[in-house]
Amino acid sequence: TLAVLPSPRRWRHAATRSTSAAGRID
């Protein structure tokens, strides 16, 4: 392996926040 190439793409991932009344955080 000569190099690790950063991805040019990004995506939005939704995860649960158990300590918040809102319930979710992006």
PDB file of all heavy atoms in Angstrom:
ATOM      1  N   THR A   1       0.847  -1.185   0.000  1.00  0.00           N
ATOM      2  CA  THR A   1       0.000   0.000   0.000  1.00  0.00           C
ATOM      3  C   THR A   1       0.887   1.241   0.000  1.00  0.00           C
ATOM      4  O   THR A   1       1.655   1.468   0.929  1.00  0.00           O
ATOM      5  CB  THR A   1      -0.931   0.016   1.227  1.00  0.00           C
ATOM      6  OG1 THR A   1      -1.791  -1.124   1.184  1.00  0.00           O
ATOM      7  CG2 THR A   1      -1.788   1.282   1.234  1.00  0.00           C
ATOM      8  N   LEU A   2       0.787   2.032  -1.056  1.00  0.00           N
ATOM      9  CA  LEU A   2       1.631   3.210  -1.207  1.00  0.00           C
ATOM     10  C   LEU A   2       1.026   4.451  -0.565  1.00  0.00           C
ATOM     11  O   LEU A   2       1.738   5.328  -0.109  1.00  0.00           O
ATOM     12  CB  LEU A   2       1.886   3.478  -2.692  1.00  0.00           C
ATOM     13  CG  LEU A   2       2.555   2.348  -3.478  1.00  0.00           C
ATOM     14  CD1 LEU A   2       2.711   2.746  -4.936  1.00  0.00           C
ATOM     15  CD2 LEU A   2       3.905   1.992  -2.873  1.00  0.00           C
ATOM     16  N   ALA A   3      -0.323   4.535  -0.580  1.00  0.00           N
ATOM     17  CA  ALA A   3      -0.962   5.735  -0.047  1.00  0.00           C
ATOM     18  C   ALA A   3      -2.423   5.447   0.272  1.00  0.00           C
ATOM     19  O   ALA A   3      -3.049   4.578  -0.340  1.00  0.00           O
ATOM     20  CB  ALA A   3      -0.880   6.880  -1.058  1.00  0.00           C
ATOM     21  N   VAL A   4      -2.940   6.172   1.259  1.00  0.00           N
ATOM     22  CA  VAL A   4      -4.371   6.175   1.574  1.00  0.00           C
ATOM     23  C   VAL A   4      -4.947   7.459   1.008  1.00  0.00           C
ATOM     24  O   VAL A   4      -4.489   8.553   1.350  1.00  0.00           O
ATOM     25  CB  VAL A   4      -4.622   6.090   3.089  1.00  0.00           C
ATOM     26  CG1 VAL A   4      -6.110   6.161   3.383  1.00  0.00           C
ATOM     27  CG2 VAL A   4      -4.023   4.816   3.656  1.00  0.00           C
ATOM     28  N   LEU A   5      -5.914   7.339   0.122  1.00  0.00           N
ATOM     29  CA  LEU A   5      -6.452   8.497  -0.582  1.00  0.00           C
ATOM     30  C   LEU A   5      -7.764   8.937   0.049  1.00  0.00           C
ATOM     31  O   LEU A   5      -8.711   8.142   0.144  1.00  0.00           O
ATOM     32  CB  LEU A   5      -6.684   8.149  -2.057  1.00  0.00           C
ATOM     33  CG  LEU A   5      -5.478   7.539  -2.782  1.00  0.00           C
ATOM     34  CD1 LEU A   5      -5.870   7.144  -4.191  1.00  0.00           C
ATOM     35  CD2 LEU A   5      -4.320   8.509  -2.790  1.00  0.00           C
ATOM     36  N   PRO A   6      -7.877  10.186   0.499  1.00  0.00           N
ATOM     37  CA  PRO A   6      -9.136  10.662   1.078  1.00  0.00           C
ATOM     38  C   PRO A   6     -10.239  10.678   0.034  1.00  0.00           C
ATOM     39  O   PRO A   6     -10.004  10.986  -1.132  1.00  0.00           O
ATOM     40  CB  PRO A   6      -8.796  12.068   1.566  1.00  0.00           C
ATOM     41  CG  PRO A   6      -7.637  12.492   0.718  1.00  0.00           C
ATOM     42  CD  PRO A   6      -6.843  11.234   0.456  1.00  0.00           C
ATOM     43  N   SER A   7     -11.429  10.332   0.474  1.00  0.00           N
ATOM     44  CA  SER A   7     -12.553  10.322  -0.453  1.00  0.00           C
ATOM     45  C   SER A   7     -13.021  11.744  -0.736  1.00  0.00           C
ATOM     46  O   SER A   7     -13.087  12.574   0.170  1.00  0.00           O
ATOM     47  CB  SER A   7     -13.711   9.513   0.133  1.00  0.00           C
ATOM     48  OG  SER A   7     -14.866   9.660  -0.666  1.00  0.00           O
ATOM     49  N   PRO A   8     -13.371  12.042  -1.991  1.00  0.00           N
ATOM     50  CA  PRO A   8     -13.914  13.366  -2.321  1.00  0.00           C
ATOM     51  C   PRO A   8     -15.389  13.480  -1.978  1.00  0.00           C
ATOM     52  O   PRO A   8     -15.967  14.557  -2.087  1.00  0.00           O
ATOM     53  CB  PRO A   8     -13.699  13.451  -3.834  1.00  0.00           C
ATOM     54  CG  PRO A   8     -13.804  12.036  -4.284  1.00  0.00           C
ATOM     55  CD  PRO A   8     -13.175  11.212  -3.188  1.00  0.00           C
ATOM     56  N   ARG A   9     -16.000  12.370  -1.548  1.00  0.00           N
ATOM     57  CA  ARG A   9     -17.438  12.364  -1.294  1.00  0.00           C
ATOM     58  C   ARG A   9     -17.720  12.376   0.203  1.00  0.00           C
ATOM     59  O   ARG A   9     -16.931  11.901   1.005  1.00  0.00           O
ATOM     60  CB  ARG A   9     -18.090  11.128  -1.920  1.00  0.00           C
ATOM     61  CG  ARG A   9     -17.852  10.989  -3.412  1.00  0.00           C
ATOM     62  CD  ARG A   9     -18.356   9.655  -3.901  1.00  0.00           C
ATOM     63  NE  ARG A   9     -19.768   9.498  -3.639  1.00  0.00           N
ATOM     64  CZ  ARG A   9     -20.378   8.310  -3.657  1.00  0.00           C
ATOM     65  NH1 ARG A   9     -19.700   7.228  -3.881  1.00  0.00           N
ATOM     66  NH2 ARG A   9     -21.681   8.240  -3.430  1.00  0.00           N
ATOM     67  N   ARG A  10     -18.877  12.944   0.579  1.00  0.00           N
ATOM     68  CA  ARG A  10     -19.339  12.918   1.963  1.00  0.00           C
ATOM     69  C   ARG A  10     -20.821  12.587   1.957  1.00  0.00           C
ATOM     70  O   ARG A  10     -21.524  12.851   0.987  1.00  0.00           O
ATOM     71  CB  ARG A  10     -19.123  14.290   2.644  1.00  0.00           C
ATOM     72  CG  ARG A  10     -17.666  14.656   2.823  1.00  0.00           C
ATOM     73  CD  ARG A  10     -17.523  16.098   3.243  1.00  0.00           C
ATOM     74  NE  ARG A  10     -18.075  16.370   4.562  1.00  0.00           N
ATOM     75  CZ  ARG A  10     -17.402  16.184   5.689  1.00  0.00           C
ATOM     76  NH1 ARG A  10     -16.189  15.696   5.659  1.00  0.00           N
ATOM     77  NH2 ARG A  10     -17.946  16.473   6.854  1.00  0.00           N
ATOM     78  N   TRP A  11     -21.284  11.976   3.033  1.00  0.00           N
ATOM     79  CA  TRP A  11     -22.703  11.718   3.132  1.00  0.00           C
ATOM     80  C   TRP A  11     -23.190  12.002   4.541  1.00  0.00           C
ATOM     81  O   TRP A  11     -22.415  12.038   5.478  1.00  0.00           O
ATOM     82  CB  TRP A  11     -23.042  10.281   2.716  1.00  0.00           C
ATOM     83  CG  TRP A  11     -22.710   9.231   3.736  1.00  0.00           C
ATOM     84  CD1 TRP A  11     -23.441   8.843   4.802  1.00  0.00           C
ATOM     85  CD2 TRP A  11     -21.526   8.419   3.767  1.00  0.00           C
ATOM     86  NE1 TRP A  11     -22.816   7.852   5.495  1.00  0.00           N
ATOM     87  CE2 TRP A  11     -21.644   7.566   4.878  1.00  0.00           C
ATOM     88  CE3 TRP A  11     -20.388   8.340   2.948  1.00  0.00           C
ATOM     89  CZ2 TRP A  11     -20.664   6.637   5.197  1.00  0.00           C
ATOM     90  CZ3 TRP A  11     -19.423   7.409   3.274  1.00  0.00           C
ATOM     91  CH2 TRP A  11     -19.570   6.578   4.381  1.00  0.00           C
ATOM     92  N   ARG A  12     -24.500  12.188   4.670  1.00  0.00           N
ATOM     93  CA  ARG A  12     -25.078  12.493   5.967  1.00  0.00           C
ATOM     94  C   ARG A  12     -25.531  11.211   6.642  1.00  0.00           C
ATOM     95  O   ARG A  12     -26.252  10.411   6.066  1.00  0.00           O
ATOM     96  CB  ARG A  12     -26.262  13.444   5.791  1.00  0.00           C
ATOM     97  CG  ARG A  12     -26.819  13.961   7.116  1.00  0.00           C
ATOM     98  CD  ARG A  12     -27.823  15.068   6.870  1.00  0.00           C
ATOM     99  NE  ARG A  12     -27.206  16.253   6.312  1.00  0.00           N
ATOM    100  CZ  ARG A  12     -26.577  17.172   7.021  1.00  0.00           C
ATOM    101  NH1 ARG A  12     -26.477  17.042   8.322  1.00  0.00           N
ATOM    102  NH2 ARG A  12     -26.034  18.220   6.447  1.00  0.00           N
ATOM    103  N   HIS A  13     -25.051  11.014   7.874  1.00  0.00           N
ATOM    104  CA  HIS A  13     -25.345   9.807   8.626  1.00  0.00           C
ATOM    105  C   HIS A  13     -26.158  10.171   9.862  1.00  0.00           C
ATOM    106  O   HIS A  13     -25.745  10.991  10.664  1.00  0.00           O
ATOM    107  CB  HIS A  13     -24.042   9.109   9.043  1.00  0.00           C
ATOM    108  CG  HIS A  13     -24.239   7.996  10.020  1.00  0.00           C
ATOM    109  ND1 HIS A  13     -24.812   6.809   9.668  1.00  0.00           N
ATOM    110  CD2 HIS A  13     -23.940   7.908  11.335  1.00  0.00           C
ATOM    111  CE1 HIS A  13     -24.846   6.020  10.725  1.00  0.00           C
ATOM    112  NE2 HIS A  13     -24.335   6.662  11.751  1.00  0.00           N
ATOM    113  N   ALA A  14     -27.327   9.574  10.013  1.00  0.00           N
ATOM    114  CA  ALA A  14     -28.190   9.859  11.166  1.00  0.00           C
ATOM    115  C   ALA A  14     -27.901   8.866  12.283  1.00  0.00           C
ATOM    116  O   ALA A  14     -27.849   7.667  12.062  1.00  0.00           O
ATOM    117  CB  ALA A  14     -29.655   9.760  10.758  1.00  0.00           C
ATOM    118  N   ALA A  15     -27.703   9.366  13.517  1.00  0.00           N
ATOM    119  CA  ALA A  15     -27.450   8.506  14.669  1.00  0.00           C
ATOM    120  C   ALA A  15     -28.356   8.914  15.816  1.00  0.00           C
ATOM    121  O   ALA A  15     -28.762  10.065  15.942  1.00  0.00           O
ATOM    122  CB  ALA A  15     -25.987   8.630  15.103  1.00  0.00           C
ATOM    123  N   THR A  16     -28.693   7.962  16.702  1.00  0.00           N
ATOM    124  CA  THR A  16     -29.584   8.238  17.828  1.00  0.00           C
ATOM    125  C   THR A  16     -28.819   8.889  18.971  1.00  0.00           C
ATOM    126  O   THR A  16     -27.730   8.466  19.332  1.00  0.00           O
ATOM    127  CB  THR A  16     -30.224   6.932  18.319  1.00  0.00           C
ATOM    128  OG1 THR A  16     -30.956   6.361  17.249  1.00  0.00           O
ATOM    129  CG2 THR A  16     -31.156   7.183  19.485  1.00  0.00           C
ATOM    130  N   ARG A  17     -29.427   9.935  19.558  1.00  0.00           N
ATOM    131  CA  ARG A  17     -28.839  10.598  20.724  1.00  0.00           C
ATOM    132  C   ARG A  17     -29.745  10.289  21.914  1.00  0.00           C
ATOM    133  O   ARG A  17     -30.822  10.863  22.078  1.00  0.00           O
ATOM    134  CB  ARG A  17     -28.750  12.092  20.496  1.00  0.00           C
ATOM    135  CG  ARG A  17     -28.095  12.851  21.662  1.00  0.00           C
ATOM    136  CD  ARG A  17     -28.434  14.313  21.626  1.00  0.00           C
ATOM    137  NE  ARG A  17     -27.870  14.961  20.451  1.00  0.00           N
ATOM    138  CZ  ARG A  17     -28.184  16.206  20.129  1.00  0.00           C
ATOM    139  NH1 ARG A  17     -29.049  16.893  20.847  1.00  0.00           N
ATOM    140  NH2 ARG A  17     -27.656  16.753  19.062  1.00  0.00           N
ATOM    141  N   SER A  18     -29.334   9.377  22.776  1.00  0.00           N
ATOM    142  CA  SER A  18     -30.200   8.888  23.855  1.00  0.00           C
ATOM    143  C   SER A  18     -30.412   9.918  24.950  1.00  0.00           C
ATOM    144  O   SER A  18     -31.384   9.851  25.688  1.00  0.00           O
ATOM    145  CB  SER A  18     -29.597   7.617  24.463  1.00  0.00           C
ATOM    146  OG  SER A  18     -28.302   7.889  24.966  1.00  0.00           O
ATOM    147  N   THR A  19     -29.527  10.913  25.085  1.00  0.00           N
ATOM    148  CA  THR A  19     -29.623  11.888  26.166  1.00  0.00           C
ATOM    149  C   THR A  19     -30.402  13.133  25.765  1.00  0.00           C
ATOM    150  O   THR A  19     -30.519  14.064  26.543  1.00  0.00           O
ATOM    151  CB  THR A  19     -28.220  12.302  26.613  1.00  0.00           C
ATOM    152  OG1 THR A  19     -27.515  12.832  25.492  1.00  0.00           O
ATOM    153  CG2 THR A  19     -27.458  11.106  27.163  1.00  0.00           C
ATOM    154  N   SER A  20     -30.919  13.165  24.548  1.00  0.00           N
ATOM    155  CA  SER A  20     -31.598  14.363  24.075  1.00  0.00           C
ATOM    156  C   SER A  20     -33.062  14.087  23.792  1.00  0.00           C
ATOM    157  O   SER A  20     -33.432  13.044  23.279  1.00  0.00           O
ATOM    158  CB  SER A  20     -30.912  14.882  22.798  1.00  0.00           C
ATOM    159  OG  SER A  20     -31.681  15.885  22.204  1.00  0.00           O
ATOM    160  N   ALA A  21     -33.898  15.075  24.134  1.00  0.00           N
ATOM    161  CA  ALA A  21     -35.323  14.940  23.841  1.00  0.00           C
ATOM    162  C   ALA A  21     -35.577  14.954  22.344  1.00  0.00           C
ATOM    163  O   ALA A  21     -36.580  14.441  21.860  1.00  0.00           O
ATOM    164  CB  ALA A  21     -36.095  16.068  24.518  1.00  0.00           C
ATOM    165  N   ALA A  22     -34.657  15.576  21.593  1.00  0.00           N
ATOM    166  CA  ALA A  22     -34.805  15.625  20.147  1.00  0.00           C
ATOM    167  C   ALA A  22     -34.672  14.227  19.526  1.00  0.00           C
ATOM    168  O   ALA A  22     -35.248  13.942  18.485  1.00  0.00           O
ATOM    169  CB  ALA A  22     -33.760  16.551  19.547  1.00  0.00           C
ATOM    170  N   GLY A  23     -33.905  13.371  20.192  1.00  0.00           N
ATOM    171  CA  GLY A  23     -33.832  11.971  19.788  1.00  0.00           C
ATOM    172  C   GLY A  23     -32.834  11.664  18.688  1.00  0.00           C
ATOM    173  O   GLY A  23     -32.344  10.551  18.605  1.00  0.00           O
ATOM    174  N   ARG A  24     -32.497  12.613  17.805  1.00  0.00           N
ATOM    175  CA  ARG A  24     -31.603  12.306  16.700  1.00  0.00           C
ATOM    176  C   ARG A  24     -30.620  13.459  16.485  1.00  0.00           C
ATOM    177  O   ARG A  24     -30.925  14.605  16.764  1.00  0.00           O
ATOM    178  CB  ARG A  24     -32.377  12.061  15.395  1.00  0.00           C
ATOM    179  CG  ARG A  24     -33.348  10.903  15.456  1.00  0.00           C
ATOM    180  CD  ARG A  24     -33.989  10.661  14.111  1.00  0.00           C
ATOM    181  NE  ARG A  24     -33.045  10.153  13.122  1.00  0.00           N
ATOM    182  CZ  ARG A  24     -32.753   8.852  13.003  1.00  0.00           C
ATOM    183  NH1 ARG A  24     -33.309   7.972  13.809  1.00  0.00           N
ATOM    184  NH2 ARG A  24     -31.913   8.454  12.083  1.00  0.00           N
ATOM    185  N   ILE A  25     -29.486  13.113  15.955  1.00  0.00           N
ATOM    186  CA  ILE A  25     -28.510  14.127  15.585  1.00  0.00           C
ATOM    187  C   ILE A  25     -27.894  13.717  14.246  1.00  0.00           C
ATOM    188  O   ILE A  25     -27.661  12.541  13.995  1.00  0.00           O
ATOM    189  CB  ILE A  25     -27.402  14.270  16.654  1.00  0.00           C
ATOM    190  CG1 ILE A  25     -26.418  15.376  16.251  1.00  0.00           C
ATOM    191  CG2 ILE A  25     -26.665  12.969  16.897  1.00  0.00           C
ATOM    192  CD1 ILE A  25     -25.414  15.698  17.336  1.00  0.00           C
ATOM    193  N   ASP A  26     -27.697  14.658  13.363  1.00  0.00           N
ATOM    194  CA  ASP A  26     -27.084  14.373  12.062  1.00  0.00           C
ATOM    195  C   ASP A  26     -25.581  14.587  12.146  1.00  0.00           C
ATOM    196  O   ASP A  26     -25.126  15.595  12.669  1.00  0.00           O
ATOM    197  CB  ASP A  26     -27.656  15.289  10.975  1.00  0.00           C
ATOM    198  CG  ASP A  26     -29.064  14.878  10.601  1.00  0.00           C
ATOM    199  OD1 ASP A  26     -29.392  13.699  10.826  1.00  0.00           O
ATOM    200  OD2 ASP A  26     -29.816  15.731  10.090  1.00  0.00           O
TER     201      ASP A  26
END
